[in-house]
């Protein structure tokens, strides 16, 4: 399992914490999560899903996520591209 950056919310709290998979995996092991379940959680996080388990809500941090072919940035050259001079 590769290490991935995560955003974690502890149940009952408003604050979110930035951490990584290695730290969360160790915490989940201490809370009794078995290896097969850890693999499933990791796969779901890698796929971009939000996972809630053992009092934690986990989500993959991906600030540069783009939806190729769905959302495009405007590539204009300022006022000239709008027909304004």
C-alpha atoms as a PDB file:
ATOM      1  CA  UNK A   1       0.000   0.000   0.000  1.00  0.00           C
ATOM      2  CA  UNK A   2       1.394   3.348  -1.014  1.00  0.00           C
ATOM      3  CA  UNK A   3       1.394   6.245   1.400  1.00  0.00           C
ATOM      4  CA  UNK A   4      -1.165   8.943   0.528  1.00  0.00           C
ATOM      5  CA  UNK A   5      -1.959  12.320   2.055  1.00  0.00           C
ATOM      6  CA  UNK A   6      -5.231  12.326   3.983  1.00  0.00           C
ATOM      7  CA  UNK A   7      -7.629  14.728   5.612  1.00  0.00           C
ATOM      8  CA  UNK A   8      -9.116  13.261   8.795  1.00  0.00           C
ATOM      9  CA  UNK A   9     -12.074  14.330  10.880  1.00  0.00           C
ATOM     10  CA  UNK A  10     -12.508  12.830  14.338  1.00  0.00           C
ATOM     11  CA  UNK A  11     -16.122  11.979  15.102  1.00  0.00           C
ATOM     12  CA  UNK A  12     -17.804  14.682  17.149  1.00  0.00           C
ATOM     13  CA  UNK A  13     -15.258  17.401  16.325  1.00  0.00           C
ATOM     14  CA  UNK A  14     -15.377  20.154  13.723  1.00  0.00           C
ATOM     15  CA  UNK A  15     -11.614  20.311  13.106  1.00  0.00           C
ATOM     16  CA  UNK A  16      -9.935  18.426  10.278  1.00  0.00           C
ATOM     17  CA  UNK A  17      -6.351  17.215  10.456  1.00  0.00           C
ATOM     18  CA  UNK A  18      -3.875  16.604   7.640  1.00  0.00           C
ATOM     19  CA  UNK A  19      -1.982  13.319   7.979  1.00  0.00           C
ATOM     20  CA  UNK A  20      -0.952  10.329   5.875  1.00  0.00           C
ATOM     21  CA  UNK A  21      -1.942   6.729   5.336  1.00  0.00           C
ATOM     22  CA  UNK A  22       0.961   5.295   7.358  1.00  0.00           C
ATOM     23  CA  UNK A  23      -0.093   7.149  10.509  1.00  0.00           C
ATOM     24  CA  UNK A  24      -3.791   6.343  10.073  1.00  0.00           C
ATOM     25  CA  UNK A  25      -3.066   2.690   9.280  1.00  0.00           C
ATOM     26  CA  UNK A  26      -1.181   2.360  12.589  1.00  0.00           C
ATOM     27  CA  UNK A  27      -4.096   3.979  14.434  1.00  0.00           C
ATOM     28  CA  UNK A  28      -6.644   1.704  12.756  1.00  0.00           C
ATOM     29  CA  UNK A  29      -4.561  -1.383  13.572  1.00  0.00           C
ATOM     30  CA  UNK A  30      -4.598  -0.353  17.251  1.00  0.00           C
ATOM     31  CA  UNK A  31      -8.390   0.009  17.006  1.00  0.00           C
ATOM     32  CA  UNK A  32      -8.707  -3.588  15.778  1.00  0.00           C
ATOM     33  CA  UNK A  33      -9.042  -3.202  11.998  1.00  0.00           C
ATOM     34  CA  UNK A  34      -7.748  -6.306  10.208  1.00  0.00           C
ATOM     35  CA  UNK A  35      -5.402  -6.272   7.203  1.00  0.00           C
ATOM     36  CA  UNK A  36      -8.088  -7.118   4.619  1.00  0.00           C
ATOM     37  CA  UNK A  37     -10.228  -4.234   5.863  1.00  0.00           C
ATOM     38  CA  UNK A  38      -7.194  -1.917   5.704  1.00  0.00           C
ATOM     39  CA  UNK A  39      -6.660  -2.916   2.070  1.00  0.00           C
ATOM     40  CA  UNK A  40     -10.294  -2.131   1.288  1.00  0.00           C
ATOM     41  CA  UNK A  41     -10.122   1.262   3.042  1.00  0.00           C
ATOM     42  CA  UNK A  42      -6.915   2.138   1.192  1.00  0.00           C
ATOM     43  CA  UNK A  43      -8.462   1.187  -2.157  1.00  0.00           C
ATOM     44  CA  UNK A  44     -11.545   3.304  -1.456  1.00  0.00           C
ATOM     45  CA  UNK A  45      -9.418   6.300  -0.442  1.00  0.00           C
ATOM     46  CA  UNK A  46      -7.226   5.925  -3.519  1.00  0.00           C
ATOM     47  CA  UNK A  47     -10.389   5.943  -5.641  1.00  0.00           C
ATOM     48  CA  UNK A  48     -11.353   9.283  -4.086  1.00  0.00           C
ATOM     49  CA  UNK A  49     -14.105   8.033  -1.794  1.00  0.00           C
ATOM     50  CA  UNK A  50     -14.721   9.298   1.718  1.00  0.00           C
ATOM     51  CA  UNK A  51     -14.476   6.517   4.335  1.00  0.00           C
ATOM     52  CA  UNK A  52     -15.860   6.494   7.876  1.00  0.00           C
ATOM     53  CA  UNK A  53     -14.538   3.873  10.278  1.00  0.00           C
ATOM     54  CA  UNK A  54     -13.725   3.533  13.967  1.00  0.00           C
ATOM     55  CA  UNK A  55     -14.737   7.125  14.787  1.00  0.00           C
ATOM     56  CA  UNK A  56     -12.721   8.664  11.938  1.00  0.00           C
ATOM     57  CA  UNK A  57     -13.801  10.110   8.611  1.00  0.00           C
ATOM     58  CA  UNK A  58     -11.003   9.863   6.052  1.00  0.00           C
ATOM     59  CA  UNK A  59     -10.591  11.502   2.663  1.00  0.00           C
ATOM     60  CA  UNK A  60      -7.708  11.657   0.221  1.00  0.00           C
ATOM     61  CA  UNK A  61      -6.198  15.122  -0.100  1.00  0.00           C
ATOM     62  CA  UNK A  62      -5.856  15.982  -3.763  1.00  0.00           C
ATOM     63  CA  UNK A  63      -5.666  19.756  -4.293  1.00  0.00           C
ATOM     64  CA  UNK A  64      -4.787  19.450  -7.996  1.00  0.00           C
ATOM     65  CA  UNK A  65      -7.598  17.102  -8.954  1.00  0.00           C
ATOM     66  CA  UNK A  66      -8.901  17.896 -12.415  1.00  0.00           C
ATOM     67  CA  UNK A  67     -11.717  16.376 -14.364  1.00  0.00           C
ATOM     68  CA  UNK A  68     -10.056  15.934 -17.756  1.00  0.00           C
ATOM     69  CA  UNK A  69     -12.460  16.538 -20.614  1.00  0.00           C
ATOM     70  CA  UNK A  70     -15.210  17.791 -18.313  1.00  0.00           C
ATOM     71  CA  UNK A  71     -13.880  21.041 -16.900  1.00  0.00           C
ATOM     72  CA  UNK A  72     -11.442  23.206 -18.788  1.00  0.00           C
ATOM     73  CA  UNK A  73      -9.717  26.404 -17.777  1.00  0.00           C
ATOM     74  CA  UNK A  74     -10.268  29.472 -19.890  1.00  0.00           C
ATOM     75  CA  UNK A  75      -7.197  29.959 -22.092  1.00  0.00           C
ATOM     76  CA  UNK A  76      -8.018  33.432 -23.474  1.00  0.00           C
ATOM     77  CA  UNK A  77      -5.489  36.204 -24.026  1.00  0.00           C
ATOM     78  CA  UNK A  78      -7.247  38.961 -22.155  1.00  0.00           C
ATOM     79  CA  UNK A  79      -9.484  41.586 -23.744  1.00  0.00           C
ATOM     80  CA  UNK A  80      -8.396  40.844 -27.344  1.00  0.00           C
ATOM     81  CA  UNK A  81      -9.895  37.351 -27.270  1.00  0.00           C
ATOM     82  CA  UNK A  82     -13.264  38.832 -26.315  1.00  0.00           C
ATOM     83  CA  UNK A  83     -13.281  41.229 -29.270  1.00  0.00           C
ATOM     84  CA  UNK A  84     -12.515  44.208 -27.048  1.00  0.00           C
ATOM     85  CA  UNK A  85      -9.732  46.642 -27.861  1.00  0.00           C
END
